[in-house]
Protein backbone atom coordinates (compact mmCIF):
# COMPACT_ATOMS: atom_id res chain seq x y z
CA MET A 1 85.53 113.88 125.43
CA PHE A 2 82.43 111.86 126.25
CA PRO A 3 80.11 109.70 124.16
CA PHE A 4 76.96 111.33 122.86
CA PRO A 5 73.53 109.83 122.07
CA PHE A 6 73.32 109.16 118.38
CA SER A 7 71.42 107.66 115.52
CA PHE A 8 72.32 107.23 111.90
CA PHE A 9 71.02 105.58 108.76
CA GLY A 10 73.39 103.83 106.41
CA GLY A 11 72.56 103.79 102.74
CA ALA A 12 73.27 100.74 100.66
CA SER A 13 75.54 102.72 98.33
CA GLY A 14 77.99 104.11 100.88
CA PRO A 15 79.19 104.29 104.47
CA PRO A 16 76.86 105.50 107.25
CA GLU A 17 76.76 109.14 108.25
CA LEU A 18 77.91 109.96 111.76
CA GLU A 19 76.08 112.17 114.21
CA LEU A 20 77.13 115.80 113.79
CA ILE A 21 78.15 118.14 116.62
CA ASP A 22 78.29 121.94 116.54
CA ASN A 23 81.91 123.06 116.20
CA ASP A 24 82.97 126.39 114.74
CA PHE A 25 86.54 126.31 116.04
CA ALA A 26 89.98 125.13 114.99
CA MET A 27 93.45 125.40 116.48
CA GLU A 28 95.67 127.99 114.77
CA PHE A 29 99.46 127.62 114.55
CA ASN A 30 101.73 130.52 113.55
CA GLY A 31 104.55 128.52 111.95
CA THR A 32 107.26 129.72 114.33
CA ASP A 33 106.74 128.80 117.98
CA GLU A 34 103.28 127.31 118.62
CA TYR A 35 102.49 123.65 119.26
CA LEU A 36 100.34 121.46 121.51
CA GLY A 37 102.11 118.99 123.80
CA LEU A 38 100.23 115.77 124.56
CA PRO A 39 100.39 113.60 127.69
CA TYR A 40 103.02 110.86 127.80
CA SER A 41 101.59 107.72 126.27
CA THR A 42 102.65 104.26 125.21
CA MET A 43 99.89 104.00 122.60
CA LEU A 44 102.35 103.86 119.72
CA ASN A 45 104.38 100.89 120.83
CA SER A 46 105.40 97.42 119.77
CA GLY A 47 102.42 95.86 121.55
CA ALA A 48 99.84 97.87 119.66
CA SER A 49 97.75 96.08 117.05
CA GLY A 50 98.07 99.00 114.67
CA TYR A 51 97.12 102.65 115.00
CA THR A 52 95.55 105.55 113.12
CA VAL A 53 96.08 109.31 113.14
CA SER A 54 93.31 111.47 111.63
CA SER A 55 93.16 115.26 111.26
CA TRP A 56 91.58 118.04 109.25
CA VAL A 57 94.27 120.41 107.97
CA ASN A 58 94.21 123.88 106.42
CA VAL A 59 97.70 125.27 105.75
CA ASP A 60 98.50 128.88 104.95
CA ASP A 61 100.98 127.80 102.29
CA VAL A 62 102.28 124.46 101.03
CA SER A 63 106.02 125.14 100.94
CA GLY A 64 108.49 123.59 103.39
CA TYR A 65 107.81 121.21 106.27
CA LYS A 66 104.65 121.49 108.38
CA THR A 67 104.12 118.91 111.12
CA ILE A 68 100.68 117.58 111.97
CA TYR A 69 101.79 115.08 114.62
CA SER A 70 105.11 113.80 115.90
CA THR A 71 106.58 111.77 118.74
CA GLU A 72 109.56 113.02 120.67
CA TYR A 73 111.51 109.84 121.26
CA ASP A 74 114.07 107.79 119.37
CA GLU A 75 111.59 105.29 118.02
CA GLY A 76 108.57 107.13 116.69
CA VAL A 77 106.58 108.78 113.95
CA ILE A 78 106.16 112.06 112.13
CA LEU A 79 103.07 112.92 110.05
CA LEU A 80 103.64 116.14 108.10
CA ILE A 81 103.07 118.17 104.98
CA PHE A 82 106.05 118.82 102.73
CA ASN A 83 105.71 120.86 99.55
CA ALA A 84 101.97 120.15 99.13
CA SER A 85 102.18 116.38 99.80
CA ILE A 86 101.59 114.29 102.92
CA TYR A 87 104.64 112.54 104.33
CA TYR A 88 104.85 109.93 107.05
CA TYR A 89 108.13 108.91 108.70
CA HIS A 90 108.18 105.72 110.76
CA TYR A 91 111.63 105.44 112.28
CA THR A 92 113.01 102.81 114.58
CA GLY A 93 116.47 103.54 115.90
CA SER A 94 118.55 105.96 117.95
CA GLY A 95 116.77 109.12 116.89
CA THR A 96 117.70 108.79 113.25
CA ILE A 97 115.31 109.20 110.34
CA SER A 98 117.86 108.09 107.77
CA PRO A 99 116.85 105.78 106.29
CA PRO A 100 113.27 105.93 107.57
CA THR A 101 110.27 103.99 106.43
CA THR A 102 108.60 106.79 104.49
CA THR A 103 105.41 107.05 102.49
CA SER A 104 103.97 110.09 100.75
CA GLY A 105 101.28 111.11 98.32
CA GLY A 106 98.42 113.39 97.44
CA THR A 107 98.35 117.10 96.68
CA LEU A 108 97.07 119.70 99.12
CA THR A 109 95.88 123.21 98.28
CA ALA A 110 96.75 126.16 100.53
CA GLY A 111 93.79 127.83 102.23
CA GLN A 112 91.57 124.77 101.80
CA TRP A 113 90.51 122.15 104.35
CA HIS A 114 91.79 118.63 103.72
CA HIS A 115 91.28 115.41 105.66
CA VAL A 116 94.54 113.54 106.29
CA VAL A 117 94.66 109.99 107.68
CA MET A 118 97.60 107.68 108.35
CA THR A 119 97.14 104.05 109.36
CA TRP A 120 99.49 101.25 110.35
CA ASP A 121 98.31 97.64 110.47
CA GLY A 122 100.54 96.70 113.43
CA SER A 123 102.93 94.49 111.52
CA ASN A 124 103.88 95.69 108.06
CA SER A 125 101.73 98.14 106.09
CA ILE A 126 101.39 101.95 106.29
CA LYS A 127 98.63 103.74 104.37
CA LEU A 128 97.99 107.42 103.71
CA TYR A 129 94.58 108.85 102.82
CA LEU A 130 93.84 112.35 101.55
CA ASP A 131 90.19 113.46 101.43
CA LYS A 132 89.08 109.80 101.81
CA VAL A 133 91.22 108.61 98.87
CA LEU A 134 94.02 106.11 99.49
CA VAL A 135 97.05 107.90 98.05
CA ASN A 136 99.85 105.53 99.05
CA THR A 137 100.58 102.20 100.69
CA GLN A 138 104.04 101.17 101.86
CA THR A 139 105.00 97.80 103.26
CA GLY A 140 108.03 96.89 105.34
CA ALA A 141 107.30 98.94 108.45
CA THR A 142 108.48 97.40 111.74
CA ALA A 143 107.06 97.60 115.24
CA LEU A 144 107.90 100.59 117.41
CA ASP A 145 109.29 100.35 120.92
CA ASN A 146 107.86 102.14 123.94
CA PRO A 147 108.86 105.73 124.64
CA THR A 148 111.84 105.76 126.98
CA ALA A 149 110.84 108.64 129.28
CA PRO A 150 107.80 110.76 130.12
CA SER A 151 109.74 113.85 129.02
CA GLN A 152 109.75 112.52 125.47
CA TYR A 153 106.15 113.37 124.71
CA PRO A 154 104.20 113.60 121.45
CA LYS A 155 103.33 116.95 119.89
CA ILE A 156 100.75 118.42 117.56
CA GLY A 157 102.01 121.12 115.21
CA GLN A 158 105.77 120.67 115.60
CA TYR A 159 108.62 118.14 115.50
CA ASN A 160 111.64 118.47 117.77
CA THR A 161 112.52 122.17 117.37
CA ASN A 162 111.69 122.30 113.67
CA TRP A 163 108.97 121.86 111.09
CA TRP A 164 106.32 124.10 112.66
CA MET A 165 102.73 123.99 111.47
CA ASN A 166 101.59 127.19 109.75
CA GLY A 167 97.82 127.01 109.50
CA ASP A 168 94.88 125.32 111.21
CA LEU A 169 94.34 121.80 112.56
CA ASP A 170 90.99 120.40 113.64
CA GLU A 171 89.41 117.14 114.83
CA ILE A 172 92.71 115.38 115.44
CA ALA A 173 92.16 111.83 116.69
CA PHE A 174 94.16 108.68 117.45
CA TRP A 175 93.03 105.06 117.45
CA SER A 176 95.00 102.09 118.75
CA ARG A 177 93.94 100.13 115.68
CA GLU A 178 93.98 100.51 111.92
CA LEU A 179 90.85 102.15 110.53
CA ASP A 180 89.69 100.61 107.27
CA ALA A 181 88.89 102.51 104.09
CA THR A 182 85.15 102.58 104.80
CA GLU A 183 85.72 104.16 108.22
CA VAL A 184 88.01 106.80 106.72
CA GLU A 185 85.37 107.55 104.10
CA THR A 186 82.71 107.78 106.81
CA ILE A 187 84.63 110.47 108.72
CA TYR A 188 85.25 112.51 105.57
CA ASP A 189 81.71 112.27 104.17
CA SER A 190 80.09 113.09 107.50
CA THR A 191 82.14 116.26 108.06
CA ASN A 192 82.86 117.60 104.58
CA ASP A 193 80.50 120.33 103.34
CA ASN A 194 78.93 120.71 106.79
CA PRO A 195 80.15 124.14 107.97
CA GLY A 196 80.12 124.62 111.72
CA LYS A 197 79.78 120.88 112.34
CA CYS A 198 82.08 117.97 113.10
CA ALA A 199 81.50 114.23 113.08
CA ASN A 200 80.98 112.58 116.45
CA LEU A 201 83.71 109.93 116.44
CA PHE A 202 82.02 108.00 119.23
CA THR A 203 79.23 107.05 116.80
CA GLY A 204 79.03 104.58 113.95
CA GLY A 205 81.36 102.13 115.67
CA LEU A 206 84.32 104.52 115.43
CA GLY A 207 84.54 104.81 119.21
CA THR A 208 86.18 101.38 119.41
CA ASP A 209 89.85 101.89 120.42
CA LEU A 210 89.54 105.68 120.06
CA VAL A 211 92.16 106.85 122.56
CA PHE A 212 92.38 110.59 121.82
CA TRP A 213 90.00 113.04 120.20
CA ASN A 214 90.28 116.81 120.40
CA ARG A 215 87.70 119.08 118.81
CA MET A 216 90.33 121.79 118.43
CA GLY A 217 89.40 125.13 119.92
CA ASP A 218 86.38 123.88 121.95
């Protein structure tokens, strides 16, 4: 993706609106064998000063496990939906997620678009946002190590050989820093209730440390 010319006007009562881009597409997942593999990356590692995962999600149903994003190595992360709530696993040893650092919250509705954001501050705190609202904060997270091999790559829509996404994902993005609450609100407010449009994440200062952005289906 490339930066676009932009302008915006920020009101005193809220965050600025981002430039909008035409986008009528989303990536569909069938819940059984579809996922998107991402290039090998060391973005989520012990040297990172925090990170953020952001995505619009529309699930066909809210039962069971449905992965938004996962990493495929022993020390990594899983962001998923489980029985109508958002869950985030941040695990740090030998492929085990027991006991993981886990945070969850919020309630999603099937057949409805929701904006899901997870942030980590790089040292201790994990936060989950649903539709711009902070739904949970958990402290005690530890730094992640680098992936051990290029074959252990991150995925969108699936974890390991389980927990397949059944529904649509759109506008998934990663930052190598923690977005603050105002930035999360900016993304939501700029995109929500604007059919056929998406927020240009290179505008409004959000392009800083934006390392991956996929307008799904473009």
